[in-house]
């Protein structure tokens, strides 16, 4: 067991509340419902780890620890006067240092940081909770760089040389010649927000790139081994009353599905992943087959079916004098 000393020598530690000290009849027994209220120092046994600290330190924030010191939360005090907390004591020193200084260096390991976050949430230390959450966000975003396409040649080179699957969002409102339908602005922002969320979730496994130079207002493209595998176009032109309007859709489920499908090309597994696709393990219904390629050398060589997908989100809006033309 380890001990964390603070403020005073062990001989001055007082843990029993009230005017009367414990009698000899309590030796060897645990006393429930007691608290260190009225004491200056506190002895804490957190999961077998011993800590000496002061009531002043534990009361710095409105937390479970303050309520224990004030006597509003019942605790168990063992026969030697230690307040027993049934939690892992591994990160409790960090919790105490946060209370003492108002800030504390956090672990660089994401797993350990999540453990500290759990402890902060249990002790209801909102300052430490926010510190952990903001640090976790920085860890997730660290190295999560999303390049912006500046030329067609740059795009081709980037996709051809990348060993990871690629997801590209083409987003260019500047080329729009028509007005937008009522929900199009919101749906356009939802597509951009989904792109950012996917970029965080699959950081390191998929290369996400943005393209603001193309003609499409909102279009998703999915690449594996340098080839376009799927496309989800989210825009269409609507003729309504005497003016043309651009309609932007937000097919969230389809986009997420195609992102999962493209993971078969992770680590150069695209060719091997075709067997899984052909067996119906990953690819969704409705995928078109465009060509077959094989080595053609020897009778024992297997032919690998290359699957290309081009999908457009189409909604029939004919009727009531409206006509929809889909861009292809």
C-alpha atoms as a PDB file:
ATOM      1  CA  UNK A   1       0.000   0.000   0.000  1.00  0.00           C
ATOM      2  CA  UNK A   2       1.115   3.545  -0.687  1.00  0.00           C
ATOM      3  CA  UNK A   3       0.554   6.657   1.398  1.00  0.00           C
ATOM      4  CA  UNK A   4      -0.014  10.215   0.169  1.00  0.00           C
ATOM      5  CA  UNK A   5       0.892  12.711   2.929  1.00  0.00           C
ATOM      6  CA  UNK A   6      -0.394  16.270   3.025  1.00  0.00           C
ATOM      7  CA  UNK A   7      -0.247  19.153   5.501  1.00  0.00           C
ATOM      8  CA  UNK A   8       0.628  17.441   8.787  1.00  0.00           C
ATOM      9  CA  UNK A   9       2.290  14.529  10.479  1.00  0.00           C
ATOM     10  CA  UNK A  10       0.490  11.244  10.899  1.00  0.00           C
ATOM     11  CA  UNK A  11       0.203  11.733  14.634  1.00  0.00           C
ATOM     12  CA  UNK A  12      -2.117  14.703  14.204  1.00  0.00           C
ATOM     13  CA  UNK A  13      -4.621  12.918  11.982  1.00  0.00           C
ATOM     14  CA  UNK A  14      -8.185  13.071  13.268  1.00  0.00           C
ATOM     15  CA  UNK A  15     -10.983  11.188  11.528  1.00  0.00           C
ATOM     16  CA  UNK A  16     -13.767  10.602  14.022  1.00  0.00           C
ATOM     17  CA  UNK A  17     -16.594  13.144  14.053  1.00  0.00           C
ATOM     18  CA  UNK A  18     -18.551  14.264  17.107  1.00  0.00           C
ATOM     19  CA  UNK A  19     -17.391  14.951  20.616  1.00  0.00           C
ATOM     20  CA  UNK A  20     -16.728  11.401  21.750  1.00  0.00           C
ATOM     21  CA  UNK A  21     -13.912   9.238  20.533  1.00  0.00           C
ATOM     22  CA  UNK A  22     -14.466   5.619  19.653  1.00  0.00           C
ATOM     23  CA  UNK A  23     -14.407   3.226  22.587  1.00  0.00           C
ATOM     24  CA  UNK A  24     -12.368   0.080  22.879  1.00  0.00           C
ATOM     25  CA  UNK A  25     -15.443  -1.995  22.105  1.00  0.00           C
ATOM     26  CA  UNK A  26     -15.161  -0.891  18.467  1.00  0.00           C
ATOM     27  CA  UNK A  27     -11.684  -2.249  17.986  1.00  0.00           C
ATOM     28  CA  UNK A  28     -11.573  -4.672  15.045  1.00  0.00           C
ATOM     29  CA  UNK A  29     -14.981  -3.550  13.786  1.00  0.00           C
ATOM     30  CA  UNK A  30     -16.027  -1.233  10.945  1.00  0.00           C
ATOM     31  CA  UNK A  31     -18.377   1.605  11.740  1.00  0.00           C
ATOM     32  CA  UNK A  32     -20.888   2.554   9.062  1.00  0.00           C
ATOM     33  CA  UNK A  33     -22.630   5.870   8.787  1.00  0.00           C
ATOM     34  CA  UNK A  34     -19.762   7.900  10.324  1.00  0.00           C
ATOM     35  CA  UNK A  35     -18.059  10.839   8.629  1.00  0.00           C
ATOM     36  CA  UNK A  36     -14.939  13.014   9.212  1.00  0.00           C
ATOM     37  CA  UNK A  37     -17.101  16.113   9.773  1.00  0.00           C
ATOM     38  CA  UNK A  38     -15.492  18.463  12.299  1.00  0.00           C
ATOM     39  CA  UNK A  39     -12.030  16.999  11.712  1.00  0.00           C
ATOM     40  CA  UNK A  40      -9.059  18.881  10.283  1.00  0.00           C
ATOM     41  CA  UNK A  41      -7.324  15.950   8.664  1.00  0.00           C
ATOM     42  CA  UNK A  42      -8.640  12.882   6.864  1.00  0.00           C
ATOM     43  CA  UNK A  43      -7.206   9.418   6.347  1.00  0.00           C
ATOM     44  CA  UNK A  44      -8.524   7.786   3.181  1.00  0.00           C
ATOM     45  CA  UNK A  45      -8.276   4.134   2.198  1.00  0.00           C
ATOM     46  CA  UNK A  46      -9.125   4.064  -1.513  1.00  0.00           C
ATOM     47  CA  UNK A  47      -9.151   0.480  -2.731  1.00  0.00           C
ATOM     48  CA  UNK A  48      -6.248  -0.396  -0.431  1.00  0.00           C
ATOM     49  CA  UNK A  49      -4.223   2.731  -1.245  1.00  0.00           C
ATOM     50  CA  UNK A  50      -3.703   5.014   1.784  1.00  0.00           C
ATOM     51  CA  UNK A  51      -3.831   8.806   1.511  1.00  0.00           C
ATOM     52  CA  UNK A  52      -3.413  11.537   4.152  1.00  0.00           C
ATOM     53  CA  UNK A  53      -4.964  14.872   3.266  1.00  0.00           C
ATOM     54  CA  UNK A  54      -6.935  17.755   4.744  1.00  0.00           C
ATOM     55  CA  UNK A  55     -10.618  18.595   4.842  1.00  0.00           C
ATOM     56  CA  UNK A  56      -9.717  21.907   3.202  1.00  0.00           C
ATOM     57  CA  UNK A  57      -8.311  20.112   0.153  1.00  0.00           C
ATOM     58  CA  UNK A  58     -11.256  17.735  -0.195  1.00  0.00           C
ATOM     59  CA  UNK A  59     -13.717  20.628   0.108  1.00  0.00           C
ATOM     60  CA  UNK A  60     -12.278  22.826  -2.639  1.00  0.00           C
ATOM     61  CA  UNK A  61     -14.917  21.748  -5.178  1.00  0.00           C
ATOM     62  CA  UNK A  62     -18.578  20.861  -4.827  1.00  0.00           C
ATOM     63  CA  UNK A  63     -18.099  17.129  -5.101  1.00  0.00           C
ATOM     64  CA  UNK A  64     -18.710  13.801  -3.424  1.00  0.00           C
ATOM     65  CA  UNK A  65     -15.531  14.322  -1.404  1.00  0.00           C
ATOM     66  CA  UNK A  66     -16.823  17.601   0.011  1.00  0.00           C
ATOM     67  CA  UNK A  67     -20.137  15.990   0.966  1.00  0.00           C
ATOM     68  CA  UNK A  68     -18.189  13.269   2.811  1.00  0.00           C
ATOM     69  CA  UNK A  69     -16.290  15.914   4.780  1.00  0.00           C
ATOM     70  CA  UNK A  70     -19.500  17.779   5.616  1.00  0.00           C
ATOM     71  CA  UNK A  71     -21.162  14.611   6.859  1.00  0.00           C
ATOM     72  CA  UNK A  72     -23.972  14.691   4.287  1.00  0.00           C
ATOM     73  CA  UNK A  73     -22.759  11.429   2.732  1.00  0.00           C
ATOM     74  CA  UNK A  74     -22.408   8.349   4.910  1.00  0.00           C
ATOM     75  CA  UNK A  75     -19.119   6.496   4.699  1.00  0.00           C
ATOM     76  CA  UNK A  76     -17.484   3.500   6.342  1.00  0.00           C
ATOM     77  CA  UNK A  77     -14.666   4.122   8.811  1.00  0.00           C
ATOM     78  CA  UNK A  78     -12.619   1.113   9.827  1.00  0.00           C
ATOM     79  CA  UNK A  79     -11.284   0.342  13.315  1.00  0.00           C
ATOM     80  CA  UNK A  80      -8.097   2.332  12.691  1.00  0.00           C
ATOM     81  CA  UNK A  81      -9.961   5.463  11.605  1.00  0.00           C
ATOM     82  CA  UNK A  82      -9.507   5.155   7.848  1.00  0.00           C
ATOM     83  CA  UNK A  83     -12.380   6.341   5.651  1.00  0.00           C
ATOM     84  CA  UNK A  84     -12.913   3.437   3.271  1.00  0.00           C
ATOM     85  CA  UNK A  85     -13.810   4.223  -0.370  1.00  0.00           C
ATOM     86  CA  UNK A  86     -14.587   1.239  -2.567  1.00  0.00           C
ATOM     87  CA  UNK A  87     -12.787   2.558  -5.663  1.00  0.00           C
ATOM     88  CA  UNK A  88      -9.530   1.770  -7.427  1.00  0.00           C
ATOM     89  CA  UNK A  89      -6.811   3.885  -5.833  1.00  0.00           C
ATOM     90  CA  UNK A  90      -4.531   3.948  -8.866  1.00  0.00           C
ATOM     91  CA  UNK A  91      -5.453   7.491  -9.938  1.00  0.00           C
ATOM     92  CA  UNK A  92      -6.572   8.959  -6.615  1.00  0.00           C
ATOM     93  CA  UNK A  93      -3.285  10.830  -6.125  1.00  0.00           C
ATOM     94  CA  UNK A  94      -4.029  12.605  -9.401  1.00  0.00           C
ATOM     95  CA  UNK A  95      -7.513  13.482  -8.092  1.00  0.00           C
ATOM     96  CA  UNK A  96      -5.993  14.974  -4.914  1.00  0.00           C
ATOM     97  CA  UNK A  97      -3.383  16.944  -6.856  1.00  0.00           C
ATOM     98  CA  UNK A  98      -6.117  18.418  -9.042  1.00  0.00           C
ATOM     99  CA  UNK A  99      -7.945  19.583  -5.922  1.00  0.00           C
ATOM    100  CA  UNK A 100      -4.750  21.062  -4.495  1.00  0.00           C
ATOM    101  CA  UNK A 101      -3.537  22.903  -7.607  1.00  0.00           C
ATOM    102  CA  UNK A 102      -6.634  23.341  -9.793  1.00  0.00           C
ATOM    103  CA  UNK A 103      -4.903  21.536 -12.664  1.00  0.00           C
ATOM    104  CA  UNK A 104      -2.841  18.398 -13.136  1.00  0.00           C
ATOM    105  CA  UNK A 105      -0.846  16.694 -15.921  1.00  0.00           C
ATOM    106  CA  UNK A 106      -2.910  13.881 -17.400  1.00  0.00           C
ATOM    107  CA  UNK A 107      -1.707  10.512 -18.740  1.00  0.00           C
ATOM    108  CA  UNK A 108      -0.764  10.375 -22.423  1.00  0.00           C
ATOM    109  CA  UNK A 109      -2.343   6.949 -22.781  1.00  0.00           C
ATOM    110  CA  UNK A 110      -5.939   7.224 -23.974  1.00  0.00           C
ATOM    111  CA  UNK A 111      -6.907   4.192 -21.936  1.00  0.00           C
ATOM    112  CA  UNK A 112      -5.475   5.640 -18.712  1.00  0.00           C
ATOM    113  CA  UNK A 113      -7.051   8.990 -19.449  1.00  0.00           C
ATOM    114  CA  UNK A 114     -10.449   7.328 -19.766  1.00  0.00           C
ATOM    115  CA  UNK A 115      -9.843   5.657 -16.384  1.00  0.00           C
ATOM    116  CA  UNK A 116      -9.144   9.074 -14.815  1.00  0.00           C
ATOM    117  CA  UNK A 117     -12.318  10.396 -16.441  1.00  0.00           C
ATOM    118  CA  UNK A 118     -14.350   7.616 -14.808  1.00  0.00           C
ATOM    119  CA  UNK A 119     -12.920   8.483 -11.394  1.00  0.00           C
ATOM    120  CA  UNK A 120     -13.593  12.188 -11.908  1.00  0.00           C
ATOM    121  CA  UNK A 121     -17.194  11.410 -12.841  1.00  0.00           C
ATOM    122  CA  UNK A 122     -17.628   9.196  -9.764  1.00  0.00           C
ATOM    123  CA  UNK A 123     -16.299  11.885  -7.405  1.00  0.00           C
ATOM    124  CA  UNK A 124     -18.378  14.507  -9.284  1.00  0.00           C
ATOM    125  CA  UNK A 125     -15.349  16.722  -9.930  1.00  0.00           C
ATOM    126  CA  UNK A 126     -16.664  18.683 -12.902  1.00  0.00           C
ATOM    127  CA  UNK A 127     -13.433  20.634 -13.366  1.00  0.00           C
ATOM    128  CA  UNK A 128     -11.424  17.437 -13.760  1.00  0.00           C
ATOM    129  CA  UNK A 129     -14.139  15.918 -15.974  1.00  0.00           C
ATOM    130  CA  UNK A 130     -13.897  18.834 -18.413  1.00  0.00           C
ATOM    131  CA  UNK A 131     -10.098  18.702 -18.291  1.00  0.00           C
ATOM    132  CA  UNK A 132     -10.177  14.999 -19.230  1.00  0.00           C
ATOM    133  CA  UNK A 133     -12.739  15.484 -22.019  1.00  0.00           C
ATOM    134  CA  UNK A 134     -10.846  18.341 -23.667  1.00  0.00           C
ATOM    135  CA  UNK A 135      -7.584  16.385 -23.457  1.00  0.00           C
ATOM    136  CA  UNK A 136      -9.222  13.298 -24.949  1.00  0.00           C
ATOM    137  CA  UNK A 137     -10.503  15.398 -27.830  1.00  0.00           C
ATOM    138  CA  UNK A 138      -6.983  16.672 -28.520  1.00  0.00           C
ATOM    139  CA  UNK A 139      -5.631  13.121 -28.448  1.00  0.00           C
ATOM    140  CA  UNK A 140      -8.242  11.990 -30.962  1.00  0.00           C
ATOM    141  CA  UNK A 141      -7.573  14.919 -33.269  1.00  0.00           C
ATOM    142  CA  UNK A 142      -3.793  14.657 -32.963  1.00  0.00           C
ATOM    143  CA  UNK A 143      -2.524  13.587 -36.364  1.00  0.00           C
ATOM    144  CA  UNK A 144      -6.029  13.730 -37.833  1.00  0.00           C
ATOM    145  CA  UNK A 145      -5.167  15.983 -40.790  1.00  0.00           C
ATOM    146  CA  UNK A 146      -7.733  16.333 -43.564  1.00  0.00           C
ATOM    147  CA  UNK A 147      -6.089  17.639 -46.744  1.00  0.00           C
ATOM    148  CA  UNK A 148      -7.865  20.079 -49.069  1.00  0.00           C
ATOM    149  CA  UNK A 149      -7.682  19.422 -52.806  1.00  0.00           C
ATOM    150  CA  UNK A 150      -6.202  22.346 -54.781  1.00  0.00           C
ATOM    151  CA  UNK A 151      -5.861  20.752 -58.218  1.00  0.00           C
ATOM    152  CA  UNK A 152      -6.994  17.695 -60.175  1.00  0.00           C
ATOM    153  CA  UNK A 153      -3.402  16.450 -60.495  1.00  0.00           C
ATOM    154  CA  UNK A 154      -2.906  16.679 -56.760  1.00  0.00           C
ATOM    155  CA  UNK A 155      -6.069  14.654 -56.196  1.00  0.00           C
ATOM    156  CA  UNK A 156      -5.021  11.931 -58.640  1.00  0.00           C
ATOM    157  CA  UNK A 157      -1.549  11.665 -57.132  1.00  0.00           C
ATOM    158  CA  UNK A 158      -2.894  11.578 -53.585  1.00  0.00           C
ATOM    159  CA  UNK A 159      -5.410   8.819 -54.296  1.00  0.00           C
ATOM    160  CA  UNK A 160      -3.007   6.759 -56.422  1.00  0.00           C
ATOM    161  CA  UNK A 161      -0.208   6.754 -53.849  1.00  0.00           C
ATOM    162  CA  UNK A 162      -2.308   6.313 -50.698  1.00  0.00           C
ATOM    163  CA  UNK A 163      -2.163   2.812 -49.239  1.00  0.00           C
ATOM    164  CA  UNK A 164      -5.325   3.412 -47.210  1.00  0.00           C
ATOM    165  CA  UNK A 165      -8.918   3.632 -48.435  1.00  0.00           C
ATOM    166  CA  UNK A 166      -9.947   7.160 -49.385  1.00  0.00           C
ATOM    167  CA  UNK A 167     -13.212   9.001 -48.750  1.00  0.00           C
ATOM    168  CA  UNK A 168     -13.643  12.297 -50.577  1.00  0.00           C
ATOM    169  CA  UNK A 169     -16.370  14.874 -50.044  1.00  0.00           C
ATOM    170  CA  UNK A 170     -16.827  17.258 -52.932  1.00  0.00           C
ATOM    171  CA  UNK A 171     -18.426  20.392 -51.580  1.00  0.00           C
ATOM    172  CA  UNK A 172     -18.643  23.489 -53.749  1.00  0.00           C
ATOM    173  CA  UNK A 173     -21.556  25.875 -53.456  1.00  0.00           C
ATOM    174  CA  UNK A 174     -19.801  28.382 -55.705  1.00  0.00           C
ATOM    175  CA  UNK A 175     -20.856  26.543 -58.870  1.00  0.00           C
ATOM    176  CA  UNK A 176     -24.541  26.597 -58.028  1.00  0.00           C
ATOM    177  CA  UNK A 177     -26.599  28.382 -60.668  1.00  0.00           C
ATOM    178  CA  UNK A 178     -29.956  27.912 -59.006  1.00  0.00           C
ATOM    179  CA  UNK A 179     -31.566  28.575 -55.665  1.00  0.00           C
ATOM    180  CA  UNK A 180     -31.795  25.889 -52.986  1.00  0.00           C
ATOM    181  CA  UNK A 181     -34.890  24.121 -51.728  1.00  0.00           C
ATOM    182  CA  UNK A 182     -35.991  24.829 -48.169  1.00  0.00           C
ATOM    183  CA  UNK A 183     -34.056  22.004 -46.449  1.00  0.00           C
ATOM    184  CA  UNK A 184     -30.988  22.019 -48.683  1.00  0.00           C
ATOM    185  CA  UNK A 185     -28.866  24.345 -46.578  1.00  0.00           C
ATOM    186  CA  UNK A 186     -29.419  22.236 -43.464  1.00  0.00           C
ATOM    187  CA  UNK A 187     -28.724  19.006 -45.338  1.00  0.00           C
ATOM    188  CA  UNK A 188     -25.519  20.431 -46.794  1.00  0.00           C
ATOM    189  CA  UNK A 189     -24.265  21.275 -43.309  1.00  0.00           C
ATOM    190  CA  UNK A 190     -25.274  17.806 -42.083  1.00  0.00           C
ATOM    191  CA  UNK A 191     -23.150  16.204 -44.819  1.00  0.00           C
ATOM    192  CA  UNK A 192     -20.142  18.300 -43.789  1.00  0.00           C
ATOM    193  CA  UNK A 193     -20.702  17.461 -40.115  1.00  0.00           C
ATOM    194  CA  UNK A 194     -20.921  13.731 -40.898  1.00  0.00           C
ATOM    195  CA  UNK A 195     -17.664  13.981 -42.858  1.00  0.00           C
ATOM    196  CA  UNK A 196     -15.928  15.459 -39.795  1.00  0.00           C
ATOM    197  CA  UNK A 197     -17.375  12.781 -37.485  1.00  0.00           C
ATOM    198  CA  UNK A 198     -16.273   9.957 -39.791  1.00  0.00           C
ATOM    199  CA  UNK A 199     -12.835  11.547 -40.012  1.00  0.00           C
ATOM    200  CA  UNK A 200     -12.491  11.353 -36.225  1.00  0.00           C
ATOM    201  CA  UNK A 201     -13.937   7.860 -35.923  1.00  0.00           C
ATOM    202  CA  UNK A 202     -11.770   6.244 -38.625  1.00  0.00           C
ATOM    203  CA  UNK A 203      -8.679   8.383 -38.100  1.00  0.00           C
ATOM    204  CA  UNK A 204      -5.578   6.451 -39.156  1.00  0.00           C
ATOM    205  CA  UNK A 205      -7.560   3.837 -41.088  1.00  0.00           C
ATOM    206  CA  UNK A 206      -9.048   5.948 -43.889  1.00  0.00           C
ATOM    207  CA  UNK A 207      -7.731   9.036 -45.668  1.00  0.00           C
ATOM    208  CA  UNK A 208     -10.429  11.719 -45.746  1.00  0.00           C
ATOM    209  CA  UNK A 209     -10.012  14.557 -48.237  1.00  0.00           C
ATOM    210  CA  UNK A 210     -12.112  17.582 -49.116  1.00  0.00           C
ATOM    211  CA  UNK A 211     -12.596  18.898 -52.642  1.00  0.00           C
ATOM    212  CA  UNK A 212     -13.973  22.407 -53.150  1.00  0.00           C
ATOM    213  CA  UNK A 213     -12.969  22.737 -56.813  1.00  0.00           C
ATOM    214  CA  UNK A 214     -15.310  20.339 -58.618  1.00  0.00           C
ATOM    215  CA  UNK A 215     -18.682  20.962 -60.230  1.00  0.00           C
ATOM    216  CA  UNK A 216     -20.714  18.926 -57.771  1.00  0.00           C
ATOM    217  CA  UNK A 217     -22.265  20.779 -54.859  1.00  0.00           C
ATOM    218  CA  UNK A 218     -22.287  17.755 -52.542  1.00  0.00           C
ATOM    219  CA  UNK A 219     -20.940  14.382 -53.616  1.00  0.00           C
ATOM    220  CA  UNK A 220     -19.200  11.555 -51.752  1.00  0.00           C
ATOM    221  CA  UNK A 221     -16.616   9.342 -53.473  1.00  0.00           C
ATOM    222  CA  UNK A 222     -15.031   6.177 -52.070  1.00  0.00           C
ATOM    223  CA  UNK A 223     -11.687   4.825 -53.324  1.00  0.00           C
ATOM    224  CA  UNK A 224      -9.767   1.631 -52.725  1.00  0.00           C
ATOM    225  CA  UNK A 225      -6.369   0.728 -54.178  1.00  0.00           C
ATOM    226  CA  UNK A 226      -6.458   3.880 -56.302  1.00  0.00           C
ATOM    227  CA  UNK A 227      -9.844   3.137 -57.907  1.00  0.00           C
ATOM    228  CA  UNK A 228     -13.233   4.685 -57.338  1.00  0.00           C
ATOM    229  CA  UNK A 229     -15.412   2.022 -55.744  1.00  0.00           C
ATOM    230  CA  UNK A 230     -18.593   3.913 -54.909  1.00  0.00           C
ATOM    231  CA  UNK A 231     -20.193   7.304 -55.224  1.00  0.00           C
ATOM    232  CA  UNK A 232     -23.121   8.922 -53.454  1.00  0.00           C
ATOM    233  CA  UNK A 233     -24.332  12.093 -55.131  1.00  0.00           C
ATOM    234  CA  UNK A 234     -26.528  14.132 -52.825  1.00  0.00           C
ATOM    235  CA  UNK A 235     -27.792  16.794 -55.244  1.00  0.00           C
ATOM    236  CA  UNK A 236     -30.499  17.011 -57.894  1.00  0.00           C
ATOM    237  CA  UNK A 237     -32.101  19.784 -59.941  1.00  0.00           C
ATOM    238  CA  UNK A 238     -35.780  20.438 -59.312  1.00  0.00           C
ATOM    239  CA  UNK A 239     -38.021  22.352 -61.720  1.00  0.00           C
ATOM    240  CA  UNK A 240     -40.780  23.939 -59.702  1.00  0.00           C
ATOM    241  CA  UNK A 241     -43.080  26.863 -60.790  1.00  0.00           C
ATOM    242  CA  UNK A 242     -40.853  28.678 -63.304  1.00  0.00           C
ATOM    243  CA  UNK A 243     -37.496  28.450 -61.562  1.00  0.00           C
ATOM    244  CA  UNK A 244     -34.886  25.802 -61.135  1.00  0.00           C
ATOM    245  CA  UNK A 245     -33.828  24.769 -57.652  1.00  0.00           C
ATOM    246  CA  UNK A 246     -31.029  22.621 -56.294  1.00  0.00           C
ATOM    247  CA  UNK A 247     -32.043  19.961 -53.836  1.00  0.00           C
ATOM    248  CA  UNK A 248     -29.461  18.568 -51.394  1.00  0.00           C
ATOM    249  CA  UNK A 249     -30.170  15.281 -49.626  1.00  0.00           C
ATOM    250  CA  UNK A 250     -28.580  13.785 -46.502  1.00  0.00           C
ATOM    251  CA  UNK A 251     -28.457   9.970 -47.000  1.00  0.00           C
ATOM    252  CA  UNK A 252     -26.656   9.332 -43.731  1.00  0.00           C
ATOM    253  CA  UNK A 253     -27.207   5.561 -43.606  1.00  0.00           C
ATOM    254  CA  UNK A 254     -25.962   5.043 -47.173  1.00  0.00           C
ATOM    255  CA  UNK A 255     -22.847   7.159 -46.619  1.00  0.00           C
ATOM    256  CA  UNK A 256     -21.991   5.322 -43.404  1.00  0.00           C
ATOM    257  CA  UNK A 257     -22.587   1.973 -45.151  1.00  0.00           C
ATOM    258  CA  UNK A 258     -20.217   2.851 -47.992  1.00  0.00           C
ATOM    259  CA  UNK A 259     -17.572   3.998 -45.495  1.00  0.00           C
ATOM    260  CA  UNK A 260     -17.737   0.604 -43.778  1.00  0.00           C
ATOM    261  CA  UNK A 261     -17.594  -1.181 -47.144  1.00  0.00           C
ATOM    262  CA  UNK A 262     -14.444   0.691 -48.137  1.00  0.00           C
ATOM    263  CA  UNK A 263     -12.621  -0.681 -45.082  1.00  0.00           C
ATOM    264  CA  UNK A 264     -12.050  -3.967 -46.929  1.00  0.00           C
ATOM    265  CA  UNK A 265      -9.303  -2.111 -48.805  1.00  0.00           C
ATOM    266  CA  UNK A 266      -7.484  -1.328 -45.581  1.00  0.00           C
ATOM    267  CA  UNK A 267      -3.838  -2.477 -45.502  1.00  0.00           C
ATOM    268  CA  UNK A 268      -3.997  -3.555 -49.130  1.00  0.00           C
ATOM    269  CA  UNK A 269      -6.631  -6.214 -48.479  1.00  0.00           C
ATOM    270  CA  UNK A 270      -8.846  -5.166 -51.381  1.00  0.00           C
ATOM    271  CA  UNK A 271      -8.296  -8.190 -53.585  1.00  0.00           C
ATOM    272  CA  UNK A 272      -8.645 -10.619 -50.724  1.00  0.00           C
ATOM    273  CA  UNK A 273     -11.746  -8.800 -49.571  1.00  0.00           C
ATOM    274  CA  UNK A 274     -13.561  -9.528 -52.792  1.00  0.00           C
ATOM    275  CA  UNK A 275     -14.347 -13.041 -51.633  1.00  0.00           C
ATOM    276  CA  UNK A 276     -16.127 -11.582 -48.636  1.00  0.00           C
ATOM    277  CA  UNK A 277     -18.067  -9.233 -50.871  1.00  0.00           C
ATOM    278  CA  UNK A 278     -19.086 -11.982 -53.251  1.00  0.00           C
ATOM    279  CA  UNK A 279     -20.361 -14.039 -50.322  1.00  0.00           C
ATOM    280  CA  UNK A 280     -22.584 -11.166 -49.198  1.00  0.00           C
ATOM    281  CA  UNK A 281     -20.613 -10.555 -46.001  1.00  0.00           C
ATOM    282  CA  UNK A 282     -20.195  -6.782 -46.309  1.00  0.00           C
ATOM    283  CA  UNK A 283     -21.532  -5.310 -49.501  1.00  0.00           C
ATOM    284  CA  UNK A 284     -25.145  -4.230 -49.526  1.00  0.00           C
ATOM    285  CA  UNK A 285     -27.721  -5.278 -52.143  1.00  0.00           C
ATOM    286  CA  UNK A 286     -27.941  -3.366 -55.385  1.00  0.00           C
ATOM    287  CA  UNK A 287     -24.231  -3.232 -56.216  1.00  0.00           C
ATOM    288  CA  UNK A 288     -23.521  -3.272 -59.907  1.00  0.00           C
ATOM    289  CA  UNK A 289     -20.685  -5.303 -61.404  1.00  0.00           C
ATOM    290  CA  UNK A 290     -18.779  -3.485 -64.083  1.00  0.00           C
ATOM    291  CA  UNK A 291     -15.875  -5.699 -65.053  1.00  0.00           C
ATOM    292  CA  UNK A 292     -13.846  -8.773 -64.286  1.00  0.00           C
ATOM    293  CA  UNK A 293     -10.092  -8.938 -64.292  1.00  0.00           C
ATOM    294  CA  UNK A 294      -7.883 -11.991 -63.983  1.00  0.00           C
ATOM    295  CA  UNK A 295      -4.252 -12.844 -64.214  1.00  0.00           C
ATOM    296  CA  UNK A 296      -4.953 -15.285 -67.000  1.00  0.00           C
ATOM    297  CA  UNK A 297      -1.734 -17.175 -66.309  1.00  0.00           C
ATOM    298  CA  UNK A 298      -2.152 -20.878 -65.764  1.00  0.00           C
ATOM    299  CA  UNK A 299      -5.279 -22.836 -65.022  1.00  0.00           C
ATOM    300  CA  UNK A 300      -4.850 -22.558 -61.262  1.00  0.00           C
ATOM    301  CA  UNK A 301      -5.054 -18.741 -61.074  1.00  0.00           C
ATOM    302  CA  UNK A 302      -8.275 -17.322 -59.683  1.00  0.00           C
ATOM    303  CA  UNK A 303     -10.111 -14.543 -61.452  1.00  0.00           C
ATOM    304  CA  UNK A 304     -10.723 -11.553 -59.192  1.00  0.00           C
ATOM    305  CA  UNK A 305     -13.945  -9.703 -59.780  1.00  0.00           C
ATOM    306  CA  UNK A 306     -13.501  -5.949 -59.529  1.00  0.00           C
ATOM    307  CA  UNK A 307     -16.633  -4.215 -58.305  1.00  0.00           C
ATOM    308  CA  UNK A 308     -17.371  -0.628 -59.187  1.00  0.00           C
ATOM    309  CA  UNK A 309     -20.363   1.164 -57.775  1.00  0.00           C
ATOM    310  CA  UNK A 310     -21.915   4.446 -58.833  1.00  0.00           C
ATOM    311  CA  UNK A 311     -24.949   5.396 -56.832  1.00  0.00           C
ATOM    312  CA  UNK A 312     -27.101   8.489 -57.014  1.00  0.00           C
ATOM    313  CA  UNK A 313     -29.743   9.266 -54.439  1.00  0.00           C
ATOM    314  CA  UNK A 314     -32.916   9.684 -56.453  1.00  0.00           C
ATOM    315  CA  UNK A 315     -36.351  10.665 -55.243  1.00  0.00           C
ATOM    316  CA  UNK A 316     -39.380  10.798 -57.473  1.00  0.00           C
ATOM    317  CA  UNK A 317     -40.975  14.227 -57.138  1.00  0.00           C
ATOM    318  CA  UNK A 318     -43.081  14.255 -60.259  1.00  0.00           C
ATOM    319  CA  UNK A 319     -46.593  15.440 -59.745  1.00  0.00           C
ATOM    320  CA  UNK A 320     -48.263  18.694 -58.824  1.00  0.00           C
ATOM    321  CA  UNK A 321     -46.642  20.403 -61.771  1.00  0.00           C
ATOM    322  CA  UNK A 322     -43.080  19.572 -60.664  1.00  0.00           C
ATOM    323  CA  UNK A 323     -40.405  17.760 -62.561  1.00  0.00           C
ATOM    324  CA  UNK A 324     -37.091  16.553 -61.228  1.00  0.00           C
ATOM    325  CA  UNK A 325     -33.969  16.164 -63.357  1.00  0.00           C
ATOM    326  CA  UNK A 326     -31.122  14.209 -61.855  1.00  0.00           C
ATOM    327  CA  UNK A 327     -27.568  15.133 -62.671  1.00  0.00           C
ATOM    328  CA  UNK A 328     -25.425  12.278 -63.932  1.00  0.00           C
END
